[in-house]
PDB file of N, CA and C in Angstrom:
ATOM      1  N   MET A   1      16.012  -8.082   1.547  1.00  0.00           N
ATOM      2  CA  MET A   1      15.142  -6.971   1.878  1.00  0.00           C
ATOM      3  C   MET A   1      14.323  -7.347   3.105  1.00  0.00           C
ATOM      4  N   ASN A   2      14.267  -6.427   4.047  1.00  0.00           N
ATOM      5  CA  ASN A   2      13.499  -6.634   5.258  1.00  0.00           C
ATOM      6  C   ASN A   2      12.583  -5.436   5.459  1.00  0.00           C
ATOM      7  N   ILE A   3      11.291  -5.675   5.440  1.00  0.00           N
ATOM      8  CA  ILE A   3      10.338  -4.594   5.697  1.00  0.00           C
ATOM      9  C   ILE A   3      10.316  -4.382   7.201  1.00  0.00           C
ATOM     10  N   THR A   4      10.793  -3.216   7.634  1.00  0.00           N
ATOM     11  CA  THR A   4      10.933  -2.968   9.058  1.00  0.00           C
ATOM     12  C   THR A   4       9.777  -2.190   9.655  1.00  0.00           C
ATOM     13  N   GLU A   5       8.965  -1.542   8.819  1.00  0.00           N
ATOM     14  CA  GLU A   5       7.793  -0.837   9.344  1.00  0.00           C
ATOM     15  C   GLU A   5       6.768  -0.639   8.242  1.00  0.00           C
ATOM     16  N   VAL A   6       5.516  -0.821   8.622  1.00  0.00           N
ATOM     17  CA  VAL A   6       4.387  -0.461   7.766  1.00  0.00           C
ATOM     18  C   VAL A   6       3.540   0.477   8.606  1.00  0.00           C
ATOM     19  N   LYS A   7       3.327   1.688   8.109  1.00  0.00           N
ATOM     20  CA  LYS A   7       2.581   2.681   8.873  1.00  0.00           C
ATOM     21  C   LYS A   7       1.364   3.129   8.070  1.00  0.00           C
ATOM     22  N   ILE A   8       0.185   2.957   8.670  1.00  0.00           N
ATOM     23  CA  ILE A   8      -1.050   3.424   8.056  1.00  0.00           C
ATOM     24  C   ILE A   8      -1.126   4.921   8.324  1.00  0.00           C
ATOM     25  N   ARG A   9      -1.008   5.734   7.282  1.00  0.00           N
ATOM     26  CA  ARG A   9      -0.924   7.190   7.444  1.00  0.00           C
ATOM     27  C   ARG A   9      -2.312   7.830   7.522  1.00  0.00           C
ATOM     28  N   HIS A  10      -3.254   7.321   6.733  1.00  0.00           N
ATOM     29  CA  HIS A  10      -4.597   7.897   6.729  1.00  0.00           C
ATOM     30  C   HIS A  10      -5.599   6.825   6.316  1.00  0.00           C
ATOM     31  N   ILE A  11      -6.734   6.797   6.991  1.00  0.00           N
ATOM     32  CA  ILE A  11      -7.793   5.842   6.665  1.00  0.00           C
ATOM     33  C   ILE A  11      -8.993   6.617   6.133  1.00  0.00           C
ATOM     34  N   TYR A  12      -9.583   6.102   5.069  1.00  0.00           N
ATOM     35  CA  TYR A  12     -10.771   6.698   4.462  1.00  0.00           C
ATOM     36  C   TYR A  12     -11.950   5.740   4.663  1.00  0.00           C
ATOM     37  N   PRO A  13     -12.939   6.139   5.466  1.00  0.00           N
ATOM     38  CA  PRO A  13     -14.045   5.222   5.764  1.00  0.00           C
ATOM     39  C   PRO A  13     -15.012   5.015   4.595  1.00  0.00           C
ATOM     40  N   GLU A  14     -15.007   5.896   3.612  1.00  0.00           N
ATOM     41  CA  GLU A  14     -15.918   5.771   2.477  1.00  0.00           C
ATOM     42  C   GLU A  14     -15.150   5.825   1.168  1.00  0.00           C
ATOM     43  N   GLY A  15     -15.749   5.251   0.132  1.00  0.00           N
ATOM     44  CA  GLY A  15     -15.130   5.257  -1.188  1.00  0.00           C
ATOM     45  C   GLY A  15     -14.224   4.057  -1.387  1.00  0.00           C
ATOM     46  N   ARG A  16     -13.658   3.961  -2.580  1.00  0.00           N
ATOM     47  CA  ARG A  16     -12.784   2.826  -2.908  1.00  0.00           C
ATOM     48  C   ARG A  16     -11.413   2.938  -2.260  1.00  0.00           C
ATOM     49  N   LEU A  17     -10.885   4.145  -2.137  1.00  0.00           N
ATOM     50  CA  LEU A  17      -9.593   4.338  -1.474  1.00  0.00           C
ATOM     51  C   LEU A  17      -9.807   4.152   0.023  1.00  0.00           C
ATOM     52  N   ARG A  18      -9.164   3.143   0.598  1.00  0.00           N
ATOM     53  CA  ARG A  18      -9.382   2.809   2.007  1.00  0.00           C
ATOM     54  C   ARG A  18      -8.292   3.370   2.913  1.00  0.00           C
ATOM     55  N   ALA A  19      -7.038   3.466   2.409  1.00  0.00           N
ATOM     56  CA  ALA A  19      -5.964   3.970   3.264  1.00  0.00           C
ATOM     57  C   ALA A  19      -4.753   4.373   2.421  1.00  0.00           C
ATOM     58  N   ILE A  20      -3.935   5.238   3.026  1.00  0.00           N
ATOM     59  CA  ILE A  20      -2.627   5.611   2.485  1.00  0.00           C
ATOM     60  C   ILE A  20      -1.588   5.084   3.467  1.00  0.00           C
ATOM     61  N   VAL A  21      -0.547   4.453   2.936  1.00  0.00           N
ATOM     62  CA  VAL A  21       0.431   3.722   3.746  1.00  0.00           C
ATOM     63  C   VAL A  21       1.847   4.164   3.396  1.00  0.00           C
ATOM     64  N   SER A  22       2.734   4.127   4.394  1.00  0.00           N
ATOM     65  CA  SER A  22       4.171   4.264   4.184  1.00  0.00           C
ATOM     66  C   SER A  22       4.833   2.967   4.634  1.00  0.00           C
ATOM     67  N   MET A  23       5.898   2.594   3.944  1.00  0.00           N
ATOM     68  CA  MET A  23       6.607   1.361   4.254  1.00  0.00           C
ATOM     69  C   MET A  23       8.108   1.653   4.334  1.00  0.00           C
ATOM     70  N   THR A  24       8.747   1.152   5.394  1.00  0.00           N
ATOM     71  CA  THR A  24      10.187   1.323   5.555  1.00  0.00           C
ATOM     72  C   THR A  24      10.874  -0.013   5.288  1.00  0.00           C
ATOM     73  N   ILE A  25      11.955   0.045   4.531  1.00  0.00           N
ATOM     74  CA  ILE A  25      12.727  -1.138   4.178  1.00  0.00           C
ATOM     75  C   ILE A  25      14.111  -1.032   4.825  1.00  0.00           C
ATOM     76  N   ASP A  26      14.488  -2.072   5.558  1.00  0.00           N
ATOM     77  CA  ASP A  26      15.808  -2.153   6.198  1.00  0.00           C
ATOM     78  C   ASP A  26      16.146  -0.933   7.057  1.00  0.00           C
ATOM     79  N   ASN A  27      15.144  -0.311   7.655  1.00  0.00           N
ATOM     80  CA  ASN A  27      15.340   0.901   8.467  1.00  0.00           C
ATOM     81  C   ASN A  27      16.117   1.984   7.727  1.00  0.00           C
ATOM     82  N   GLU A  28      16.118   1.946   6.400  1.00  0.00           N
ATOM     83  CA  GLU A  28      16.941   2.879   5.634  1.00  0.00           C
ATOM     84  C   GLU A  28      16.232   3.537   4.452  1.00  0.00           C
ATOM     85  N   PHE A  29      15.143   2.961   3.976  1.00  0.00           N
ATOM     86  CA  PHE A  29      14.500   3.459   2.759  1.00  0.00           C
ATOM     87  C   PHE A  29      12.994   3.436   2.956  1.00  0.00           C
ATOM     88  N   VAL A  30      12.333   4.574   2.661  1.00  0.00           N
ATOM     89  CA  VAL A  30      10.889   4.687   2.874  1.00  0.00           C
ATOM     90  C   VAL A  30      10.186   4.888   1.534  1.00  0.00           C
ATOM     91  N   VAL A  31       9.054   4.199   1.390  1.00  0.00           N
ATOM     92  CA  VAL A  31       8.180   4.394   0.240  1.00  0.00           C
ATOM     93  C   VAL A  31       6.861   4.935   0.787  1.00  0.00           C
ATOM     94  N   HIS A  32       6.482   6.151   0.360  1.00  0.00           N
ATOM     95  CA  HIS A  32       5.238   6.788   0.781  1.00  0.00           C
ATOM     96  C   HIS A  32       4.171   6.625  -0.295  1.00  0.00           C
ATOM     97  N   ASP A  33       2.945   6.942   0.076  1.00  0.00           N
ATOM     98  CA  ASP A  33       1.801   7.012  -0.844  1.00  0.00           C
ATOM     99  C   ASP A  33       1.416   5.680  -1.471  1.00  0.00           C
ATOM    100  N   ILE A  34       1.616   4.594  -0.736  1.00  0.00           N
ATOM    101  CA  ILE A  34       1.080   3.304  -1.148  1.00  0.00           C
ATOM    102  C   ILE A  34      -0.405   3.336  -0.795  1.00  0.00           C
ATOM    103  N   LYS A  35      -1.245   2.871  -1.702  1.00  0.00           N
ATOM    104  CA  LYS A  35      -2.688   2.944  -1.482  1.00  0.00           C
ATOM    105  C   LYS A  35      -3.277   1.563  -1.248  1.00  0.00           C
ATOM    106  N   ILE A  36      -4.243   1.502  -0.348  1.00  0.00           N
ATOM    107  CA  ILE A  36      -5.070   0.312  -0.184  1.00  0.00           C
ATOM    108  C   ILE A  36      -6.414   0.657  -0.804  1.00  0.00           C
ATOM    109  N   ILE A  37      -6.823  -0.140  -1.778  1.00  0.00           N
ATOM    110  CA  ILE A  37      -8.033   0.134  -2.547  1.00  0.00           C
ATOM    111  C   ILE A  37      -9.009  -1.022  -2.397  1.00  0.00           C
ATOM    112  N   GLU A  38     -10.278  -0.680  -2.251  1.00  0.00           N
ATOM    113  CA  GLU A  38     -11.346  -1.680  -2.171  1.00  0.00           C
ATOM    114  C   GLU A  38     -11.744  -2.067  -3.584  1.00  0.00           C
ATOM    115  N   GLY A  39     -11.443  -3.307  -3.948  1.00  0.00           N
ATOM    116  CA  GLY A  39     -11.813  -3.826  -5.253  1.00  0.00           C
ATOM    117  C   GLY A  39     -13.142  -4.553  -5.180  1.00  0.00           C
ATOM    118  N   PRO A  40     -13.630  -5.067  -6.302  1.00  0.00           N
ATOM    119  CA  PRO A  40     -14.918  -5.761  -6.303  1.00  0.00           C
ATOM    120  C   PRO A  40     -14.917  -7.048  -5.465  1.00  0.00           C
ATOM    121  N   GLU A  41     -13.753  -7.690  -5.336  1.00  0.00           N
ATOM    122  CA  GLU A  41     -13.693  -8.954  -4.599  1.00  0.00           C
ATOM    123  C   GLU A  41     -12.866  -8.891  -3.321  1.00  0.00           C
ATOM    124  N   ARG A  42     -11.939  -7.924  -3.225  1.00  0.00           N
ATOM    125  CA  ARG A  42     -11.061  -7.836  -2.058  1.00  0.00           C
ATOM    126  C   ARG A  42     -10.337  -6.500  -2.063  1.00  0.00           C
ATOM    127  N   VAL A  43      -9.673  -6.180  -0.955  1.00  0.00           N
ATOM    128  CA  VAL A  43      -8.807  -5.004  -0.944  1.00  0.00           C
ATOM    129  C   VAL A  43      -7.477  -5.391  -1.577  1.00  0.00           C
ATOM    130  N   PHE A  44      -6.829  -4.434  -2.218  1.00  0.00           N
ATOM    131  CA  PHE A  44      -5.526  -4.685  -2.820  1.00  0.00           C
ATOM    132  C   PHE A  44      -4.637  -3.467  -2.642  1.00  0.00           C
ATOM    133  N   VAL A  45      -3.361  -3.657  -2.878  1.00  0.00           N
ATOM    134  CA  VAL A  45      -2.357  -2.617  -2.703  1.00  0.00           C
ATOM    135  C   VAL A  45      -1.980  -2.050  -4.066  1.00  0.00           C
ATOM    136  N   ALA A  46      -1.955  -0.717  -4.156  1.00  0.00           N
ATOM    137  CA  ALA A  46      -1.497  -0.022  -5.364  1.00  0.00           C
ATOM    138  C   ALA A  46      -0.259   0.788  -4.991  1.00  0.00           C
ATOM    139  N   MET A  47       0.799   0.563  -5.720  1.00  0.00           N
ATOM    140  CA  MET A  47       2.048   1.258  -5.433  1.00  0.00           C
ATOM    141  C   MET A  47       1.943   2.724  -5.873  1.00  0.00           C
ATOM    142  N   PRO A  48       2.834   3.591  -5.360  1.00  0.00           N
ATOM    143  CA  PRO A  48       2.782   5.009  -5.724  1.00  0.00           C
ATOM    144  C   PRO A  48       2.917   5.176  -7.240  1.00  0.00           C
ATOM    145  N   SER A  49       2.144   6.100  -7.787  1.00  0.00           N
ATOM    146  CA  SER A  49       2.177   6.312  -9.233  1.00  0.00           C
ATOM    147  C   SER A  49       1.981   7.796  -9.543  1.00  0.00           C
ATOM    148  N   ARG A  50       2.216   8.120 -10.788  1.00  0.00           N
ATOM    149  CA  ARG A  50       1.970   9.491 -11.248  1.00  0.00           C
ATOM    150  C   ARG A  50       1.207   9.430 -12.559  1.00  0.00           C
ATOM    151  N   LYS A  51       0.473  10.471 -12.837  1.00  0.00           N
ATOM    152  CA  LYS A  51      -0.321  10.529 -14.050  1.00  0.00           C
ATOM    153  C   LYS A  51       0.536  11.079 -15.191  1.00  0.00           C
ATOM    154  N   GLU A  52       0.545  10.353 -16.291  1.00  0.00           N
ATOM    155  CA  GLU A  52       1.295  10.769 -17.482  1.00  0.00           C
ATOM    156  C   GLU A  52       0.465  11.760 -18.298  1.00  0.00           C
ATOM    157  N   ALA A  53       1.092  12.415 -19.235  1.00  0.00           N
ATOM    158  CA  ALA A  53       0.412  13.406 -20.077  1.00  0.00           C
ATOM    159  C   ALA A  53      -0.751  12.801 -20.860  1.00  0.00           C
ATOM    160  N   ASP A  54      -0.660  11.517 -21.197  1.00  0.00           N
ATOM    161  CA  ASP A  54      -1.726  10.880 -21.973  1.00  0.00           C
ATOM    162  C   ASP A  54      -2.866  10.354 -21.096  1.00  0.00           C
ATOM    163  N   GLY A  55      -2.806  10.615 -19.778  1.00  0.00           N
ATOM    164  CA  GLY A  55      -3.874  10.209 -18.877  1.00  0.00           C
ATOM    165  C   GLY A  55      -3.678   8.861 -18.213  1.00  0.00           C
ATOM    166  N   THR A  56      -2.665   8.108 -18.620  1.00  0.00           N
ATOM    167  CA  THR A  56      -2.386   6.821 -17.979  1.00  0.00           C
ATOM    168  C   THR A  56      -1.549   7.046 -16.726  1.00  0.00           C
ATOM    169  N   TYR A  57      -1.508   6.033 -15.882  1.00  0.00           N
ATOM    170  CA  TYR A  57      -0.713   6.104 -14.658  1.00  0.00           C
ATOM    171  C   TYR A  57       0.488   5.184 -14.768  1.00  0.00           C
ATOM    172  N   ARG A  58       1.600   5.626 -14.200  1.00  0.00           N
ATOM    173  CA  ARG A  58       2.836   4.852 -14.219  1.00  0.00           C
ATOM    174  C   ARG A  58       3.360   4.742 -12.799  1.00  0.00           C
ATOM    175  N   ASP A  59       3.653   3.498 -12.367  1.00  0.00           N
ATOM    176  CA  ASP A  59       4.189   3.291 -11.018  1.00  0.00           C
ATOM    177  C   ASP A  59       5.540   3.991 -10.870  1.00  0.00           C
ATOM    178  N   ILE A  60       5.723   4.624  -9.726  1.00  0.00           N
ATOM    179  CA  ILE A  60       6.998   5.270  -9.400  1.00  0.00           C
ATOM    180  C   ILE A  60       7.949   4.250  -8.780  1.00  0.00           C
ATOM    181  N   ALA A  61       7.410   3.404  -7.920  1.00  0.00           N
ATOM    182  CA  ALA A  61       8.181   2.335  -7.278  1.00  0.00           C
ATOM    183  C   ALA A  61       7.292   1.105  -7.259  1.00  0.00           C
ATOM    184  N   HIS A  62       7.895  -0.055  -7.480  1.00  0.00           N
ATOM    185  CA  HIS A  62       7.101  -1.281  -7.487  1.00  0.00           C
ATOM    186  C   HIS A  62       8.005  -2.500  -7.332  1.00  0.00           C
ATOM    187  N   PRO A  63       7.433  -3.614  -6.843  1.00  0.00           N
ATOM    188  CA  PRO A  63       8.201  -4.854  -6.738  1.00  0.00           C
ATOM    189  C   PRO A  63       8.513  -5.403  -8.136  1.00  0.00           C
ATOM    190  N   ILE A  64       9.604  -6.113  -8.238  1.00  0.00           N
ATOM    191  CA  ILE A  64      10.042  -6.661  -9.523  1.00  0.00           C
ATOM    192  C   ILE A  64       9.349  -7.968  -9.866  1.00  0.00           C
ATOM    193  N   ASN A  65       8.975  -8.757  -8.849  1.00  0.00           N
ATOM    194  CA  ASN A  65       8.359 -10.051  -9.157  1.00  0.00           C
ATOM    195  C   ASN A  65       7.150 -10.314  -8.265  1.00  0.00           C
ATOM    196  N   ALA A  66       6.372 -11.340  -8.622  1.00  0.00           N
ATOM    197  CA  ALA A  66       5.124 -11.655  -7.924  1.00  0.00           C
ATOM    198  C   ALA A  66       5.357 -12.071  -6.473  1.00  0.00           C
ATOM    199  N   GLU A  67       6.450 -12.748  -6.206  1.00  0.00           N
ATOM    200  CA  GLU A  67       6.747 -13.192  -4.842  1.00  0.00           C
ATOM    201  C   GLU A  67       6.927 -11.997  -3.901  1.00  0.00           C
ATOM    202  N   VAL A  68       7.695 -11.013  -4.328  1.00  0.00           N
ATOM    203  CA  VAL A  68       7.923  -9.828  -3.503  1.00  0.00           C
ATOM    204  C   VAL A  68       6.632  -9.018  -3.401  1.00  0.00           C
ATOM    205  N   ARG A  69       5.885  -8.900  -4.488  1.00  0.00           N
ATOM    206  CA  ARG A  69       4.605  -8.181  -4.455  1.00  0.00           C
ATOM    207  C   ARG A  69       3.674  -8.806  -3.412  1.00  0.00           C
ATOM    208  N   LYS A  70       3.588 -10.127  -3.384  1.00  0.00           N
ATOM    209  CA  LYS A  70       2.715 -10.811  -2.423  1.00  0.00           C
ATOM    210  C   LYS A  70       3.193 -10.558  -0.992  1.00  0.00           C
ATOM    211  N   GLU A  71       4.495 -10.623  -0.769  1.00  0.00           N
ATOM    212  CA  GLU A  71       5.040 -10.361   0.566  1.00  0.00           C
ATOM    213  C   GLU A  71       4.675  -8.952   1.036  1.00  0.00           C
ATOM    214  N   LEU A  72       4.870  -7.960   0.174  1.00  0.00           N
ATOM    215  CA  LEU A  72       4.539  -6.581   0.521  1.00  0.00           C
ATOM    216  C   LEU A  72       3.047  -6.432   0.780  1.00  0.00           C
ATOM    217  N   GLU A  73       2.241  -6.956  -0.141  1.00  0.00           N
ATOM    218  CA  GLU A  73       0.791  -6.829  -0.010  1.00  0.00           C
ATOM    219  C   GLU A  73       0.290  -7.498   1.269  1.00  0.00           C
ATOM    220  N   ASP A  74       0.788  -8.685   1.579  1.00  0.00           N
ATOM    221  CA  ASP A  74       0.363  -9.387   2.789  1.00  0.00           C
ATOM    222  C   ASP A  74       0.686  -8.581   4.050  1.00  0.00           C
ATOM    223  N   MET A  75       1.876  -8.005   4.109  1.00  0.00           N
ATOM    224  CA  MET A  75       2.265  -7.227   5.292  1.00  0.00           C
ATOM    225  C   MET A  75       1.455  -5.949   5.416  1.00  0.00           C
ATOM    226  N   ILE A  76       1.249  -5.274   4.305  1.00  0.00           N
ATOM    227  CA  ILE A  76       0.497  -4.010   4.319  1.00  0.00           C
ATOM    228  C   ILE A  76      -0.959  -4.260   4.699  1.00  0.00           C
ATOM    229  N   ILE A  77      -1.588  -5.254   4.105  1.00  0.00           N
ATOM    230  CA  ILE A  77      -2.991  -5.544   4.409  1.00  0.00           C
ATOM    231  C   ILE A  77      -3.143  -6.060   5.840  1.00  0.00           C
ATOM    232  N   ALA A  78      -2.188  -6.822   6.332  1.00  0.00           N
ATOM    233  CA  ALA A  78      -2.238  -7.291   7.724  1.00  0.00           C
ATOM    234  C   ALA A  78      -2.200  -6.107   8.689  1.00  0.00           C
ATOM    235  N   GLU A  79      -1.352  -5.138   8.430  1.00  0.00           N
ATOM    236  CA  GLU A  79      -1.278  -3.960   9.301  1.00  0.00           C
ATOM    237  C   GLU A  79      -2.554  -3.134   9.199  1.00  0.00           C
ATOM    238  N   TYR A  80      -3.080  -2.970   7.994  1.00  0.00           N
ATOM    239  CA  TYR A  80      -4.343  -2.256   7.795  1.00  0.00           C
ATOM    240  C   TYR A  80      -5.457  -2.952   8.581  1.00  0.00           C
ATOM    241  N   THR A  81      -5.551  -4.263   8.492  1.00  0.00           N
ATOM    242  CA  THR A  81      -6.577  -5.027   9.200  1.00  0.00           C
ATOM    243  C   THR A  81      -6.427  -4.866  10.705  1.00  0.00           C
ATOM    244  N   ARG A  82      -5.185  -4.907  11.188  1.00  0.00           N
ATOM    245  CA  ARG A  82      -4.921  -4.731  12.622  1.00  0.00           C
ATOM    246  C   ARG A  82      -5.398  -3.358  13.102  1.00  0.00           C
ATOM    247  N   VAL A  83      -5.076  -2.327  12.341  1.00  0.00           N
ATOM    248  CA  VAL A  83      -5.467  -0.962  12.739  1.00  0.00           C
ATOM    249  C   VAL A  83      -6.985  -0.803  12.706  1.00  0.00           C
ATOM    250  N   ILE A  84      -7.634  -1.329  11.673  1.00  0.00           N
ATOM    251  CA  ILE A  84      -9.094  -1.232  11.571  1.00  0.00           C
ATOM    252  C   ILE A  84      -9.759  -1.949  12.762  1.00  0.00           C
ATOM    253  N   LYS A  85      -9.279  -3.134  13.101  1.00  0.00           N
ATOM    254  CA  LYS A  85      -9.860  -3.878  14.219  1.00  0.00           C
ATOM    255  C   LYS A  85      -9.646  -3.151  15.552  1.00  0.00           C
ATOM    256  N   SER A  86      -8.514  -2.475  15.695  1.00  0.00           N
ATOM    257  CA  SER A  86      -8.245  -1.745  16.949  1.00  0.00           C
ATOM    258  C   SER A  86      -9.136  -0.522  17.094  1.00  0.00           C
ATOM    259  N   MET A  87      -9.714  -0.056  15.997  1.00  0.00           N
ATOM    260  CA  MET A  87     -10.602   1.114  16.019  1.00  0.00           C
ATOM    261  C   MET A  87     -12.044   0.723  16.370  1.00  0.00           C
ATOM    262  N   GLU A  88     -12.367  -0.551  16.319  1.00  0.00           N
ATOM    263  CA  GLU A  88     -13.753  -0.994  16.569  1.00  0.00           C
ATOM    264  C   GLU A  88     -14.097  -0.957  18.026  1.00  0.00           C
TER     265      GLU A  88
END
């Protein structure tokens, strides 16, 4: 798997939701609605999800293991940081 593009679609200057991101894999598959959320200790990535009838949320797409999750999160947060710094 090769992440070929990370695109920051929308930035939110206030609140816990900081940005909405799209990610392209191998120039062939896109995942939209990835969220960057401000947590109590750091920003983190939340994969696209939907709300179930019982009020819980279920991921629509997600990495299978911690290694891939870290790779995705590192790339997404790096791009978010780059875009934020370019706006200053």
